[in-house]
Amino acid sequence: IQRTKTPEELIGVIAHELGHISGGHLIRTRQALEEA
């Protein structure tokens, strides 16, 4: 966050991470972590 110069830079990183979620690239862990 502190390295971003504008809101758009931070939003761009977030959009990229959302691409991982929608693409099913999530870091795989035990299902129990979803309730932790």
PDB file of all heavy atoms in Angstrom:
ATOM      1  N   ILE A   1       0.836  -1.209   0.000  1.00  0.00           N
ATOM      2  CA  ILE A   1       0.000   0.000   0.000  1.00  0.00           C
ATOM      3  C   ILE A   1       0.864   1.250   0.000  1.00  0.00           C
ATOM      4  O   ILE A   1       0.617   2.201  -0.746  1.00  0.00           O
ATOM      5  CB  ILE A   1      -0.941  -0.002   1.217  1.00  0.00           C
ATOM      6  CG1 ILE A   1      -1.952  -1.153   1.126  1.00  0.00           C
ATOM      7  CG2 ILE A   1      -1.683   1.338   1.320  1.00  0.00           C
ATOM      8  CD1 ILE A   1      -2.832  -1.313   2.353  1.00  0.00           C
ATOM      9  N   GLN A   2       1.900   1.240   0.825  1.00  0.00           N
ATOM     10  CA  GLN A   2       2.742   2.424   0.945  1.00  0.00           C
ATOM     11  C   GLN A   2       3.588   2.668  -0.296  1.00  0.00           C
ATOM     12  O   GLN A   2       4.044   3.801  -0.510  1.00  0.00           O
ATOM     13  CB  GLN A   2       3.630   2.310   2.185  1.00  0.00           C
ATOM     14  CG  GLN A   2       2.838   2.420   3.488  1.00  0.00           C
ATOM     15  CD  GLN A   2       3.704   2.269   4.717  1.00  0.00           C
ATOM     16  OE1 GLN A   2       3.805   1.203   5.293  1.00  0.00           O
ATOM     17  NE2 GLN A   2       4.340   3.361   5.119  1.00  0.00           N
ATOM     18  N   ARG A   3       3.787   1.659  -1.118  1.00  0.00           N
ATOM     19  CA  ARG A   3       4.549   1.842  -2.353  1.00  0.00           C
ATOM     20  C   ARG A   3       3.674   2.329  -3.505  1.00  0.00           C
ATOM     21  O   ARG A   3       4.202   2.768  -4.532  1.00  0.00           O
ATOM     22  CB  ARG A   3       5.224   0.523  -2.746  1.00  0.00           C
ATOM     23  CG  ARG A   3       6.461   0.194  -1.928  1.00  0.00           C
ATOM     24  CD  ARG A   3       7.712   0.916  -2.409  1.00  0.00           C
ATOM     25  NE  ARG A   3       8.135   0.460  -3.726  1.00  0.00           N
ATOM     26  CZ  ARG A   3       8.900  -0.606  -3.935  1.00  0.00           C
ATOM     27  NH1 ARG A   3       9.313  -1.347  -2.910  1.00  0.00           N
ATOM     28  NH2 ARG A   3       9.262  -0.934  -5.148  1.00  0.00           N
ATOM     29  N   THR A   4       2.357   2.222  -3.375  1.00  0.00           N
ATOM     30  CA  THR A   4       1.490   2.694  -4.463  1.00  0.00           C
ATOM     31  C   THR A   4       1.467   4.216  -4.470  1.00  0.00           C
ATOM     32  O   THR A   4       1.442   4.857  -3.426  1.00  0.00           O
ATOM     33  CB  THR A   4       0.057   2.151  -4.322  1.00  0.00           C
ATOM     34  OG1 THR A   4      -0.498   2.545  -3.060  1.00  0.00           O
ATOM     35  CG2 THR A   4       0.046   0.632  -4.415  1.00  0.00           C
ATOM     36  N   LYS A   5       1.443   4.767  -5.669  1.00  0.00           N
ATOM     37  CA  LYS A   5       1.450   6.217  -5.821  1.00  0.00           C
ATOM     38  C   LYS A   5       0.059   6.793  -6.006  1.00  0.00           C
ATOM     39  O   LYS A   5      -0.154   7.990  -5.790  1.00  0.00           O
ATOM     40  CB  LYS A   5       2.333   6.605  -7.017  1.00  0.00           C
ATOM     41  CG  LYS A   5       3.808   6.245  -6.863  1.00  0.00           C
ATOM     42  CD  LYS A   5       4.601   6.697  -8.075  1.00  0.00           C
ATOM     43  CE  LYS A   5       6.102   6.485  -7.885  1.00  0.00           C
ATOM     44  NZ  LYS A   5       6.454   5.052  -7.775  1.00  0.00           N
ATOM     45  N   THR A   6      -0.879   5.946  -6.427  1.00  0.00           N
ATOM     46  CA  THR A   6      -2.240   6.412  -6.698  1.00  0.00           C
ATOM     47  C   THR A   6      -3.245   5.331  -6.288  1.00  0.00           C
ATOM     48  O   THR A   6      -2.879   4.154  -6.153  1.00  0.00           O
ATOM     49  CB  THR A   6      -2.438   6.690  -8.203  1.00  0.00           C
ATOM     50  OG1 THR A   6      -2.301   5.440  -8.923  1.00  0.00           O
ATOM     51  CG2 THR A   6      -1.422   7.696  -8.721  1.00  0.00           C
ATOM     52  N   PRO A   7      -4.508   5.703  -6.124  1.00  0.00           N
ATOM     53  CA  PRO A   7      -5.532   4.681  -5.857  1.00  0.00           C
ATOM     54  C   PRO A   7      -5.603   3.652  -6.973  1.00  0.00           C
ATOM     55  O   PRO A   7      -5.816   2.467  -6.722  1.00  0.00           O
ATOM     56  CB  PRO A   7      -6.829   5.496  -5.771  1.00  0.00           C
ATOM     57  CG  PRO A   7      -6.406   6.873  -5.408  1.00  0.00           C
ATOM     58  CD  PRO A   7      -5.075   7.065  -6.071  1.00  0.00           C
ATOM     59  N   GLU A   8      -5.407   4.112  -8.225  1.00  0.00           N
ATOM     60  CA  GLU A   8      -5.514   3.192  -9.360  1.00  0.00           C
ATOM     61  C   GLU A   8      -4.478   2.076  -9.297  1.00  0.00           C
ATOM     62  O   GLU A   8      -4.756   0.949  -9.720  1.00  0.00           O
ATOM     63  CB  GLU A   8      -5.350   3.960 -10.683  1.00  0.00           C
ATOM     64  CG  GLU A   8      -6.482   4.925 -10.996  1.00  0.00           C
ATOM     65  CD  GLU A   8      -6.165   6.345 -10.568  1.00  0.00           C
ATOM     66  OE1 GLU A   8      -5.453   6.518  -9.554  1.00  0.00           O
ATOM     67  OE2 GLU A   8      -6.635   7.282 -11.248  1.00  0.00           O
ATOM     68  N   GLU A   9      -3.294   2.371  -8.782  1.00  0.00           N
ATOM     69  CA  GLU A   9      -2.280   1.316  -8.673  1.00  0.00           C
ATOM     70  C   GLU A   9      -2.738   0.237  -7.699  1.00  0.00           C
ATOM     71  O   GLU A   9      -2.599  -0.954  -7.978  1.00  0.00           O
ATOM     72  CB  GLU A   9      -0.946   1.909  -8.219  1.00  0.00           C
ATOM     73  CG  GLU A   9      -0.238   2.712  -9.288  1.00  0.00           C
ATOM     74  CD  GLU A   9       1.207   3.026  -8.936  1.00  0.00           C
ATOM     75  OE1 GLU A   9       1.645   2.675  -7.814  1.00  0.00           O
ATOM     76  OE2 GLU A   9       1.905   3.607  -9.791  1.00  0.00           O
ATOM     77  N   LEU A  10      -3.274   0.657  -6.561  1.00  0.00           N
ATOM     78  CA  LEU A  10      -3.739  -0.319  -5.582  1.00  0.00           C
ATOM     79  C   LEU A  10      -4.942  -1.093  -6.099  1.00  0.00           C
ATOM     80  O   LEU A  10      -5.028  -2.315  -5.940  1.00  0.00           O
ATOM     81  CB  LEU A  10      -4.093   0.389  -4.268  1.00  0.00           C
ATOM     82  CG  LEU A  10      -4.552  -0.502  -3.112  1.00  0.00           C
ATOM     83  CD1 LEU A  10      -3.545  -1.617  -2.835  1.00  0.00           C
ATOM     84  CD2 LEU A  10      -4.776   0.336  -1.857  1.00  0.00           C
ATOM     85  N   ILE A  11      -5.856  -0.409  -6.760  1.00  0.00           N
ATOM     86  CA  ILE A  11      -7.027  -1.085  -7.335  1.00  0.00           C
ATOM     87  C   ILE A  11      -6.580  -2.081  -8.398  1.00  0.00           C
ATOM     88  O   ILE A  11      -7.149  -3.174  -8.518  1.00  0.00           O
ATOM     89  CB  ILE A  11      -8.010  -0.063  -7.930  1.00  0.00           C
ATOM     90  CG1 ILE A  11      -8.551   0.855  -6.827  1.00  0.00           C
ATOM     91  CG2 ILE A  11      -9.175  -0.774  -8.622  1.00  0.00           C
ATOM     92  CD1 ILE A  11      -9.305   2.064  -7.347  1.00  0.00           C
ATOM     93  N   GLY A  12      -5.559  -1.729  -9.169  1.00  0.00           N
ATOM     94  CA  GLY A  12      -5.064  -2.644 -10.191  1.00  0.00           C
ATOM     95  C   GLY A  12      -4.538  -3.929  -9.588  1.00  0.00           C
ATOM     96  O   GLY A  12      -4.800  -5.027 -10.106  1.00  0.00           O
ATOM     97  N   VAL A  13      -3.792  -3.831  -8.483  1.00  0.00           N
ATOM     98  CA  VAL A  13      -3.294  -5.029  -7.810  1.00  0.00           C
ATOM     99  C   VAL A  13      -4.456  -5.858  -7.291  1.00  0.00           C
ATOM    100  O   VAL A  13      -4.476  -7.095  -7.423  1.00  0.00           O
ATOM    101  CB  VAL A  13      -2.353  -4.645  -6.648  1.00  0.00           C
ATOM    102  CG1 VAL A  13      -1.968  -5.880  -5.839  1.00  0.00           C
ATOM    103  CG2 VAL A  13      -1.096  -3.962  -7.186  1.00  0.00           C
ATOM    104  N   ILE A  14      -5.451  -5.189  -6.713  1.00  0.00           N
ATOM    105  CA  ILE A  14      -6.620  -5.906  -6.182  1.00  0.00           C
ATOM    106  C   ILE A  14      -7.363  -6.610  -7.317  1.00  0.00           C
ATOM    107  O   ILE A  14      -7.789  -7.769  -7.178  1.00  0.00           O
ATOM    108  CB  ILE A  14      -7.538  -4.928  -5.433  1.00  0.00           C
ATOM    109  CG1 ILE A  14      -6.876  -4.493  -4.126  1.00  0.00           C
ATOM    110  CG2 ILE A  14      -8.908  -5.568  -5.156  1.00  0.00           C
ATOM    111  CD1 ILE A  14      -7.568  -3.349  -3.430  1.00  0.00           C
ATOM    112  N   ALA A  15      -7.535  -5.925  -8.446  1.00  0.00           N
ATOM    113  CA  ALA A  15      -8.216  -6.546  -9.592  1.00  0.00           C
ATOM    114  C   ALA A  15      -7.461  -7.795 -10.043  1.00  0.00           C
ATOM    115  O   ALA A  15      -8.069  -8.815 -10.392  1.00  0.00           O
ATOM    116  CB  ALA A  15      -8.331  -5.546 -10.739  1.00  0.00           C
ATOM    117  N   HIS A  16      -6.137  -7.710 -10.044  1.00  0.00           N
ATOM    118  CA  HIS A  16      -5.307  -8.875 -10.399  1.00  0.00           C
ATOM    119  C   HIS A  16      -5.569 -10.028  -9.425  1.00  0.00           C
ATOM    120  O   HIS A  16      -5.740 -11.176  -9.849  1.00  0.00           O
ATOM    121  CB  HIS A  16      -3.835  -8.471 -10.365  1.00  0.00           C
ATOM    122  CG  HIS A  16      -2.881  -9.607 -10.505  1.00  0.00           C
ATOM    123  ND1 HIS A  16      -2.396 -10.036 -11.717  1.00  0.00           N
ATOM    124  CD2 HIS A  16      -2.321 -10.433  -9.571  1.00  0.00           C
ATOM    125  CE1 HIS A  16      -1.572 -11.063 -11.528  1.00  0.00           C
ATOM    126  NE2 HIS A  16      -1.513 -11.325 -10.231  1.00  0.00           N
ATOM    127  N   GLU A  17      -5.603  -9.739  -8.121  1.00  0.00           N
ATOM    128  CA  GLU A  17      -5.853 -10.794  -7.137  1.00  0.00           C
ATOM    129  C   GLU A  17      -7.251 -11.380  -7.296  1.00  0.00           C
ATOM    130  O   GLU A  17      -7.456 -12.584  -7.105  1.00  0.00           O
ATOM    131  CB  GLU A  17      -5.644 -10.258  -5.717  1.00  0.00           C
ATOM    132  CG  GLU A  17      -4.228  -9.784  -5.413  1.00  0.00           C
ATOM    133  CD  GLU A  17      -3.185 -10.880  -5.592  1.00  0.00           C
ATOM    134  OE1 GLU A  17      -3.522 -12.066  -5.375  1.00  0.00           O
ATOM    135  OE2 GLU A  17      -2.039 -10.563  -5.956  1.00  0.00           O
ATOM    136  N   LEU A  18      -8.218 -10.555  -7.657  1.00  0.00           N
ATOM    137  CA  LEU A  18      -9.567 -11.059  -7.927  1.00  0.00           C
ATOM    138  C   LEU A  18      -9.553 -12.008  -9.122  1.00  0.00           C
ATOM    139  O   LEU A  18     -10.341 -12.959  -9.191  1.00  0.00           O
ATOM    140  CB  LEU A  18     -10.529  -9.898  -8.188  1.00  0.00           C
ATOM    141  CG  LEU A  18     -10.806  -8.964  -7.006  1.00  0.00           C
ATOM    142  CD1 LEU A  18     -11.676  -7.786  -7.458  1.00  0.00           C
ATOM    143  CD2 LEU A  18     -11.489  -9.709  -5.865  1.00  0.00           C
ATOM    144  N   GLY A  19      -8.628 -11.743 -10.056  1.00  0.00           N
ATOM    145  CA  GLY A  19      -8.463 -12.647 -11.191  1.00  0.00           C
ATOM    146  C   GLY A  19      -8.036 -14.027 -10.739  1.00  0.00           C
ATOM    147  O   GLY A  19      -8.444 -15.045 -11.313  1.00  0.00           O
ATOM    148  N   HIS A  20      -7.202 -14.095  -9.692  1.00  0.00           N
ATOM    149  CA  HIS A  20      -6.811 -15.394  -9.142  1.00  0.00           C
ATOM    150  C   HIS A  20      -8.012 -16.099  -8.506  1.00  0.00           C
ATOM    151  O   HIS A  20      -8.173 -17.310  -8.638  1.00  0.00           O
ATOM    152  CB  HIS A  20      -5.719 -15.208  -8.094  1.00  0.00           C
ATOM    153  CG  HIS A  20      -4.357 -14.937  -8.657  1.00  0.00           C
ATOM    154  ND1 HIS A  20      -3.781 -15.745  -9.610  1.00  0.00           N
ATOM    155  CD2 HIS A  20      -3.468 -13.942  -8.399  1.00  0.00           C
ATOM    156  CE1 HIS A  20      -2.578 -15.256  -9.912  1.00  0.00           C
ATOM    157  NE2 HIS A  20      -2.372 -14.166  -9.199  1.00  0.00           N
ATOM    158  N   ILE A  21      -8.858 -15.332  -7.809  1.00  0.00           N
ATOM    159  CA  ILE A  21     -10.037 -15.934  -7.177  1.00  0.00           C
ATOM    160  C   ILE A  21     -10.971 -16.482  -8.242  1.00  0.00           C
ATOM    161  O   ILE A  21     -11.384 -17.649  -8.190  1.00  0.00           O
ATOM    162  CB  ILE A  21     -10.770 -14.899  -6.294  1.00  0.00           C
ATOM    163  CG1 ILE A  21      -9.906 -14.518  -5.095  1.00  0.00           C
ATOM    164  CG2 ILE A  21     -12.114 -15.455  -5.826  1.00  0.00           C
ATOM    165  CD1 ILE A  21     -10.501 -13.425  -4.220  1.00  0.00           C
ATOM    166  N   SER A  22     -11.317 -15.642  -9.203  1.00  0.00           N
ATOM    167  CA  SER A  22     -12.247 -16.078 -10.253  1.00  0.00           C
ATOM    168  C   SER A  22     -11.663 -17.194 -11.103  1.00  0.00           C
ATOM    169  O   SER A  22     -12.397 -18.044 -11.625  1.00  0.00           O
ATOM    170  CB  SER A  22     -12.625 -14.887 -11.148  1.00  0.00           C
ATOM    171  OG  SER A  22     -13.296 -13.899 -10.411  1.00  0.00           O
ATOM    172  N   GLY A  23     -10.334 -17.206 -11.245  1.00  0.00           N
ATOM    173  CA  GLY A  23      -9.694 -18.236 -12.052  1.00  0.00           C
ATOM    174  C   GLY A  23      -9.437 -19.527 -11.310  1.00  0.00           C
ATOM    175  O   GLY A  23      -8.871 -20.467 -11.883  1.00  0.00           O
ATOM    176  N   GLY A  24      -9.833 -19.577 -10.029  1.00  0.00           N
ATOM    177  CA  GLY A  24      -9.637 -20.806  -9.261  1.00  0.00           C
ATOM    178  C   GLY A  24      -8.188 -21.069  -8.923  1.00  0.00           C
ATOM    179  O   GLY A  24      -7.789 -22.216  -8.716  1.00  0.00           O
ATOM    180  N   HIS A  25      -7.374 -19.997  -8.823  1.00  0.00           N
ATOM    181  CA  HIS A  25      -5.949 -20.160  -8.525  1.00  0.00           C
ATOM    182  C   HIS A  25      -5.661 -20.062  -7.031  1.00  0.00           C
ATOM    183  O   HIS A  25      -4.516 -19.894  -6.634  1.00  0.00           O
ATOM    184  CB  HIS A  25      -5.120 -19.060  -9.216  1.00  0.00           C
ATOM    185  CG  HIS A  25      -5.382 -18.938 -10.676  1.00  0.00           C
ATOM    186  ND1 HIS A  25      -5.099 -17.791 -11.389  1.00  0.00           N
ATOM    187  CD2 HIS A  25      -5.907 -19.809 -11.571  1.00  0.00           C
ATOM    188  CE1 HIS A  25      -5.436 -17.959 -12.654  1.00  0.00           C
ATOM    189  NE2 HIS A  25      -5.939 -19.173 -12.788  1.00  0.00           N
ATOM    190  N   LEU A  26      -6.692 -20.104  -6.208  1.00  0.00           N
ATOM    191  CA  LEU A  26      -6.515 -19.878  -4.779  1.00  0.00           C
ATOM    192  C   LEU A  26      -5.490 -20.807  -4.173  1.00  0.00           C
ATOM    193  O   LEU A  26      -5.358 -21.967  -4.569  1.00  0.00           O
ATOM    194  CB  LEU A  26      -7.850 -20.094  -4.039  1.00  0.00           C
ATOM    195  CG  LEU A  26      -8.918 -19.017  -4.239  1.00  0.00           C
ATOM    196  CD1 LEU A  26     -10.205 -19.444  -3.569  1.00  0.00           C
ATOM    197  CD2 LEU A  26      -8.450 -17.706  -3.680  1.00  0.00           C
ATOM    198  N   ILE A  27      -4.773 -20.267  -3.187  1.00  0.00           N
ATOM    199  CA  ILE A  27      -3.855 -21.090  -2.424  1.00  0.00           C
ATOM    200  C   ILE A  27      -4.666 -22.168  -1.733  1.00  0.00           C
ATOM    201  O   ILE A  27      -5.621 -21.883  -1.019  1.00  0.00           O
ATOM    202  CB  ILE A  27      -3.118 -20.226  -1.388  1.00  0.00           C
ATOM    203  CG1 ILE A  27      -2.273 -19.180  -2.121  1.00  0.00           C
ATOM    204  CG2 ILE A  27      -2.257 -21.069  -0.464  1.00  0.00           C
ATOM    205  CD1 ILE A  27      -1.774 -18.091  -1.221  1.00  0.00           C
ATOM    206  N   ARG A  28      -4.311 -23.422  -1.968  1.00  0.00           N
ATOM    207  CA  ARG A  28      -5.103 -24.528  -1.441  1.00  0.00           C
ATOM    208  C   ARG A  28      -4.664 -24.899  -0.038  1.00  0.00           C
ATOM    209  O   ARG A  28      -3.499 -25.186   0.205  1.00  0.00           O
ATOM    210  CB  ARG A  28      -4.966 -25.761  -2.351  1.00  0.00           C
ATOM    211  CG  ARG A  28      -5.415 -25.480  -3.784  1.00  0.00           C
ATOM    212  CD  ARG A  28      -6.879 -25.063  -3.845  1.00  0.00           C
ATOM    213  NE  ARG A  28      -7.298 -24.782  -5.214  1.00  0.00           N
ATOM    214  CZ  ARG A  28      -8.506 -24.332  -5.535  1.00  0.00           C
ATOM    215  NH1 ARG A  28      -9.394 -24.117  -4.602  1.00  0.00           N
ATOM    216  NH2 ARG A  28      -8.801 -24.086  -6.788  1.00  0.00           N
ATOM    217  N   THR A  29      -5.569 -24.883   0.875  1.00  0.00           N
ATOM    218  CA  THR A  29      -5.310 -25.302   2.248  1.00  0.00           C
ATOM    219  C   THR A  29      -6.482 -26.142   2.703  1.00  0.00           C
ATOM    220  O   THR A  29      -7.457 -26.319   1.972  1.00  0.00           O
ATOM    221  CB  THR A  29      -5.169 -24.098   3.181  1.00  0.00           C
ATOM    222  OG1 THR A  29      -6.377 -23.342   3.146  1.00  0.00           O
ATOM    223  CG2 THR A  29      -4.013 -23.208   2.764  1.00  0.00           C
ATOM    224  N   ARG A  30      -6.408 -26.640   3.927  1.00  0.00           N
ATOM    225  CA  ARG A  30      -7.518 -27.418   4.471  1.00  0.00           C
ATOM    226  C   ARG A  30      -8.779 -26.577   4.470  1.00  0.00           C
ATOM    227  O   ARG A  30      -8.769 -25.383   4.732  1.00  0.00           O
ATOM    228  CB  ARG A  30      -7.203 -27.852   5.895  1.00  0.00           C
ATOM    229  CG  ARG A  30      -6.122 -28.896   5.982  1.00  0.00           C
ATOM    230  CD  ARG A  30      -5.897 -29.294   7.414  1.00  0.00           C
ATOM    231  NE  ARG A  30      -7.123 -29.714   8.039  1.00  0.00           N
ATOM    232  CZ  ARG A  30      -7.223 -30.039   9.334  1.00  0.00           C
ATOM    233  NH1 ARG A  30      -6.178 -29.973  10.109  1.00  0.00           N
ATOM    234  NH2 ARG A  30      -8.376 -30.424   9.833  1.00  0.00           N
ATOM    235  N   GLN A  31      -9.899 -27.207   4.192  1.00  0.00           N
ATOM    236  CA  GLN A  31     -11.168 -26.499   4.153  1.00  0.00           C
ATOM    237  C   GLN A  31     -11.445 -25.798   5.479  1.00  0.00           C
ATOM    238  O   GLN A  31     -12.104 -24.764   5.532  1.00  0.00           O
ATOM    239  CB  GLN A  31     -12.311 -27.467   3.829  1.00  0.00           C
ATOM    240  CG  GLN A  31     -13.662 -26.778   3.662  1.00  0.00           C
ATOM    241  CD  GLN A  31     -14.745 -27.762   3.273  1.00  0.00           C
ATOM    242  OE1 GLN A  31     -14.495 -28.941   3.113  1.00  0.00           O
ATOM    243  NE2 GLN A  31     -15.962 -27.270   3.137  1.00  0.00           N
ATOM    244  N   ALA A  32     -10.906 -26.348   6.563  1.00  0.00           N
ATOM    245  CA  ALA A  32     -11.137 -25.768   7.884  1.00  0.00           C
ATOM    246  C   ALA A  32     -10.664 -24.324   7.948  1.00  0.00           C
ATOM    247  O   ALA A  32     -11.190 -23.534   8.729  1.00  0.00           O
ATOM    248  CB  ALA A  32     -10.430 -26.589   8.956  1.00  0.00           C
ATOM    249  N   LEU A  33      -9.690 -23.960   7.133  1.00  0.00           N
ATOM    250  CA  LEU A  33      -9.199 -22.595   7.181  1.00  0.00           C
ATOM    251  C   LEU A  33     -10.258 -21.602   6.751  1.00  0.00           C
ATOM    252  O   LEU A  33     -10.205 -20.429   7.117  1.00  0.00           O
ATOM    253  CB  LEU A  33      -7.962 -22.440   6.294  1.00  0.00           C
ATOM    254  CG  LEU A  33      -6.648 -22.987   6.845  1.00  0.00           C
ATOM    255  CD1 LEU A  33      -5.519 -22.666   5.893  1.00  0.00           C
ATOM    256  CD2 LEU A  33      -6.364 -22.424   8.216  1.00  0.00           C
ATOM    257  N   GLU A  34     -11.224 -22.031   5.964  1.00  0.00           N
ATOM    258  CA  GLU A  34     -12.263 -21.116   5.540  1.00  0.00           C
ATOM    259  C   GLU A  34     -13.168 -20.731   6.700  1.00  0.00           C
ATOM    260  O   GLU A  34     -13.971 -19.813   6.594  1.00  0.00           O
ATOM    261  CB  GLU A  34     -13.075 -21.724   4.391  1.00  0.00           C
ATOM    262  CG  GLU A  34     -12.226 -21.960   3.145  1.00  0.00           C
ATOM    263  CD  GLU A  34     -13.047 -22.281   1.918  1.00  0.00           C
ATOM    264  OE1 GLU A  34     -14.289 -22.199   2.004  1.00  0.00           O
ATOM    265  OE2 GLU A  34     -12.447 -22.613   0.885  1.00  0.00           O
ATOM    266  N   GLU A  35     -13.051 -21.423   7.821  1.00  0.00           N
ATOM    267  CA  GLU A  35     -13.843 -21.103   8.998  1.00  0.00           C
ATOM    268  C   GLU A  35     -12.945 -20.593  10.126  1.00  0.00           C
ATOM    269  O   GLU A  35     -13.396 -20.439  11.258  1.00  0.00           O
ATOM    270  CB  GLU A  35     -14.608 -22.344   9.460  1.00  0.00           C
ATOM    271  CG  GLU A  35     -15.559 -22.882   8.403  1.00  0.00           C
ATOM    272  CD  GLU A  35     -16.170 -24.219   8.802  1.00  0.00           C
ATOM    273  OE1 GLU A  35     -15.780 -24.755   9.851  1.00  0.00           O
ATOM    274  OE2 GLU A  35     -17.045 -24.696   8.071  1.00  0.00           O
ATOM    275  N   ALA A  36     -11.689 -20.328   9.822  1.00  0.00           N
ATOM    276  CA  ALA A  36     -10.733 -19.905  10.846  1.00  0.00           C
ATOM    277  C   ALA A  36     -10.601 -18.390  10.855  1.00  0.00           C
ATOM    278  O   ALA A  36     -11.058 -17.689   9.957  1.00  0.00           O
ATOM    279  CB  ALA A  36      -9.370 -20.536  10.581  1.00  0.00           C
TER     280      ALA A  36
END
